């Protein structure tokens, strides 16, 4: 018995009067295709949002990202991953450099 591929139908519904919001309905998709389309659409929308974020990290005493630093509980990989939780508010288009220097020992807790 042959599987018959049903062509999906695409319907656009607008719930608001402006052009910034809308609801999209796609029907007759094979199993799993909805998740694939939703993930692609989500990634596309998120990548188009402009926001400040760290793009490079330089840690004194670290020659590579897998190195453990003396006196620091986390290795460089975990420090870099924790920078994902960094919230930065910045108005402007140009890149800036932020330097953090300290001579004191301190403890910082970043919630997961």
C-alpha atoms as a PDB file:
ATOM      1  CA  UNK A   1       0.000   0.000   0.000  1.00  0.00           C
ATOM      2  CA  UNK A   2       1.394   3.357  -1.055  1.00  0.00           C
ATOM      3  CA  UNK A   3       1.700   6.250   1.360  1.00  0.00           C
ATOM      4  CA  UNK A   4       0.038   9.322  -0.016  1.00  0.00           C
ATOM      5  CA  UNK A   5       1.725  12.608   0.791  1.00  0.00           C
ATOM      6  CA  UNK A   6      -0.816  15.293   1.537  1.00  0.00           C
ATOM      7  CA  UNK A   7       0.218  18.754   0.462  1.00  0.00           C
ATOM      8  CA  UNK A   8       0.212  21.091   3.500  1.00  0.00           C
ATOM      9  CA  UNK A   9      -2.117  24.062   3.474  1.00  0.00           C
ATOM     10  CA  UNK A  10      -0.887  27.406   4.791  1.00  0.00           C
ATOM     11  CA  UNK A  11      -3.387  29.846   6.285  1.00  0.00           C
ATOM     12  CA  UNK A  12      -2.498  33.223   7.816  1.00  0.00           C
ATOM     13  CA  UNK A  13      -4.752  34.674  10.494  1.00  0.00           C
ATOM     14  CA  UNK A  14      -4.148  38.160  11.836  1.00  0.00           C
ATOM     15  CA  UNK A  15      -5.352  38.707  15.383  1.00  0.00           C
ATOM     16  CA  UNK A  16      -4.294  42.338  15.661  1.00  0.00           C
ATOM     17  CA  UNK A  17      -4.751  45.476  13.625  1.00  0.00           C
ATOM     18  CA  UNK A  18      -1.034  46.145  13.183  1.00  0.00           C
ATOM     19  CA  UNK A  19       1.522  44.280  11.087  1.00  0.00           C
ATOM     20  CA  UNK A  20       3.790  43.199  13.963  1.00  0.00           C
ATOM     21  CA  UNK A  21       1.789  40.199  15.181  1.00  0.00           C
ATOM     22  CA  UNK A  22      -0.015  37.306  13.571  1.00  0.00           C
ATOM     23  CA  UNK A  23      -1.004  33.679  13.936  1.00  0.00           C
ATOM     24  CA  UNK A  24      -0.008  31.104  11.340  1.00  0.00           C
ATOM     25  CA  UNK A  25      -1.831  27.821  10.858  1.00  0.00           C
ATOM     26  CA  UNK A  26      -0.307  25.008   8.806  1.00  0.00           C
ATOM     27  CA  UNK A  27      -2.288  21.811   8.474  1.00  0.00           C
ATOM     28  CA  UNK A  28      -1.925  18.346   6.915  1.00  0.00           C
ATOM     29  CA  UNK A  29       1.672  17.869   8.022  1.00  0.00           C
ATOM     30  CA  UNK A  30       3.243  14.456   8.456  1.00  0.00           C
ATOM     31  CA  UNK A  31       4.276  13.407  11.962  1.00  0.00           C
ATOM     32  CA  UNK A  32       7.245  15.424  13.256  1.00  0.00           C
ATOM     33  CA  UNK A  33       7.156  18.092  10.549  1.00  0.00           C
ATOM     34  CA  UNK A  34       5.444  20.620  12.838  1.00  0.00           C
ATOM     35  CA  UNK A  35       8.282  20.435  15.346  1.00  0.00           C
ATOM     36  CA  UNK A  36      10.867  20.830  12.581  1.00  0.00           C
ATOM     37  CA  UNK A  37       9.138  23.894  11.129  1.00  0.00           C
ATOM     38  CA  UNK A  38       8.557  25.435  14.586  1.00  0.00           C
ATOM     39  CA  UNK A  39      12.221  25.026  15.606  1.00  0.00           C
ATOM     40  CA  UNK A  40      13.435  26.590  12.356  1.00  0.00           C
ATOM     41  CA  UNK A  41      11.037  29.501  12.716  1.00  0.00           C
ATOM     42  CA  UNK A  42      11.984  30.026  16.386  1.00  0.00           C
ATOM     43  CA  UNK A  43      15.718  30.052  15.578  1.00  0.00           C
ATOM     44  CA  UNK A  44      15.159  32.507  12.715  1.00  0.00           C
ATOM     45  CA  UNK A  45      13.138  34.880  14.880  1.00  0.00           C
ATOM     46  CA  UNK A  46      15.559  34.721  17.816  1.00  0.00           C
ATOM     47  CA  UNK A  47      18.586  35.322  15.584  1.00  0.00           C
ATOM     48  CA  UNK A  48      17.001  38.520  14.227  1.00  0.00           C
ATOM     49  CA  UNK A  49      16.662  40.095  17.703  1.00  0.00           C
ATOM     50  CA  UNK A  50      19.436  42.596  18.306  1.00  0.00           C
ATOM     51  CA  UNK A  51      20.909  42.621  21.791  1.00  0.00           C
ATOM     52  CA  UNK A  52      24.323  43.111  23.368  1.00  0.00           C
ATOM     53  CA  UNK A  53      26.255  39.976  24.257  1.00  0.00           C
ATOM     54  CA  UNK A  54      29.866  38.954  24.876  1.00  0.00           C
ATOM     55  CA  UNK A  55      31.595  37.853  21.682  1.00  0.00           C
ATOM     56  CA  UNK A  56      35.121  37.256  22.988  1.00  0.00           C
ATOM     57  CA  UNK A  57      36.675  36.483  26.354  1.00  0.00           C
ATOM     58  CA  UNK A  58      40.291  36.791  27.412  1.00  0.00           C
ATOM     59  CA  UNK A  59      41.245  35.498  30.863  1.00  0.00           C
ATOM     60  CA  UNK A  60      44.692  36.281  32.239  1.00  0.00           C
ATOM     61  CA  UNK A  61      46.627  33.088  32.861  1.00  0.00           C
ATOM     62  CA  UNK A  62      44.443  30.933  30.608  1.00  0.00           C
ATOM     63  CA  UNK A  63      46.219  29.625  27.530  1.00  0.00           C
ATOM     64  CA  UNK A  64      43.228  27.620  26.300  1.00  0.00           C
ATOM     65  CA  UNK A  65      39.590  27.091  27.229  1.00  0.00           C
ATOM     66  CA  UNK A  66      40.081  23.710  28.939  1.00  0.00           C
ATOM     67  CA  UNK A  67      42.637  24.966  31.431  1.00  0.00           C
ATOM     68  CA  UNK A  68      42.000  25.017  35.181  1.00  0.00           C
ATOM     69  CA  UNK A  69      43.093  28.229  36.864  1.00  0.00           C
ATOM     70  CA  UNK A  70      44.913  28.247  40.172  1.00  0.00           C
ATOM     71  CA  UNK A  71      42.680  29.499  43.000  1.00  0.00           C
ATOM     72  CA  UNK A  72      39.507  29.321  40.886  1.00  0.00           C
ATOM     73  CA  UNK A  73      36.995  26.539  41.493  1.00  0.00           C
ATOM     74  CA  UNK A  74      35.617  26.505  37.948  1.00  0.00           C
ATOM     75  CA  UNK A  75      37.621  25.875  34.833  1.00  0.00           C
ATOM     76  CA  UNK A  76      37.619  28.299  31.914  1.00  0.00           C
ATOM     77  CA  UNK A  77      34.873  26.407  30.044  1.00  0.00           C
ATOM     78  CA  UNK A  78      32.425  26.852  32.940  1.00  0.00           C
ATOM     79  CA  UNK A  79      33.309  30.523  33.306  1.00  0.00           C
ATOM     80  CA  UNK A  80      32.591  31.092  29.626  1.00  0.00           C
ATOM     81  CA  UNK A  81      29.322  29.133  29.823  1.00  0.00           C
ATOM     82  CA  UNK A  82      28.258  31.215  32.832  1.00  0.00           C
ATOM     83  CA  UNK A  83      28.672  34.344  30.720  1.00  0.00           C
ATOM     84  CA  UNK A  84      25.508  33.253  28.904  1.00  0.00           C
ATOM     85  CA  UNK A  85      23.633  34.351  32.039  1.00  0.00           C
ATOM     86  CA  UNK A  86      25.173  37.823  31.879  1.00  0.00           C
ATOM     87  CA  UNK A  87      22.538  40.527  31.432  1.00  0.00           C
ATOM     88  CA  UNK A  88      23.842  43.586  29.610  1.00  0.00           C
ATOM     89  CA  UNK A  89      21.921  46.752  28.866  1.00  0.00           C
ATOM     90  CA  UNK A  90      23.496  48.984  26.240  1.00  0.00           C
ATOM     91  CA  UNK A  91      22.157  51.583  23.849  1.00  0.00           C
ATOM     92  CA  UNK A  92      24.241  52.074  20.743  1.00  0.00           C
ATOM     93  CA  UNK A  93      25.515  50.299  17.663  1.00  0.00           C
ATOM     94  CA  UNK A  94      29.267  50.290  18.204  1.00  0.00           C
ATOM     95  CA  UNK A  95      31.174  47.516  19.950  1.00  0.00           C
ATOM     96  CA  UNK A  96      32.595  48.206  23.397  1.00  0.00           C
ATOM     97  CA  UNK A  97      35.267  46.511  25.487  1.00  0.00           C
ATOM     98  CA  UNK A  98      34.542  45.697  29.108  1.00  0.00           C
ATOM     99  CA  UNK A  99      37.483  44.891  31.371  1.00  0.00           C
ATOM    100  CA  UNK A 100      37.147  43.421  34.839  1.00  0.00           C
ATOM    101  CA  UNK A 101      40.200  43.582  37.052  1.00  0.00           C
ATOM    102  CA  UNK A 102      40.424  42.705  40.718  1.00  0.00           C
ATOM    103  CA  UNK A 103      43.122  42.173  43.296  1.00  0.00           C
ATOM    104  CA  UNK A 104      40.809  40.848  46.016  1.00  0.00           C
ATOM    105  CA  UNK A 105      39.536  37.319  46.421  1.00  0.00           C
ATOM    106  CA  UNK A 106      35.801  37.143  46.068  1.00  0.00           C
ATOM    107  CA  UNK A 107      33.016  34.672  45.486  1.00  0.00           C
ATOM    108  CA  UNK A 108      30.318  35.104  42.882  1.00  0.00           C
ATOM    109  CA  UNK A 109      27.210  32.976  42.609  1.00  0.00           C
ATOM    110  CA  UNK A 110      25.414  32.839  39.285  1.00  0.00           C
ATOM    111  CA  UNK A 111      22.007  31.141  39.389  1.00  0.00           C
ATOM    112  CA  UNK A 112      21.417  28.428  36.802  1.00  0.00           C
END
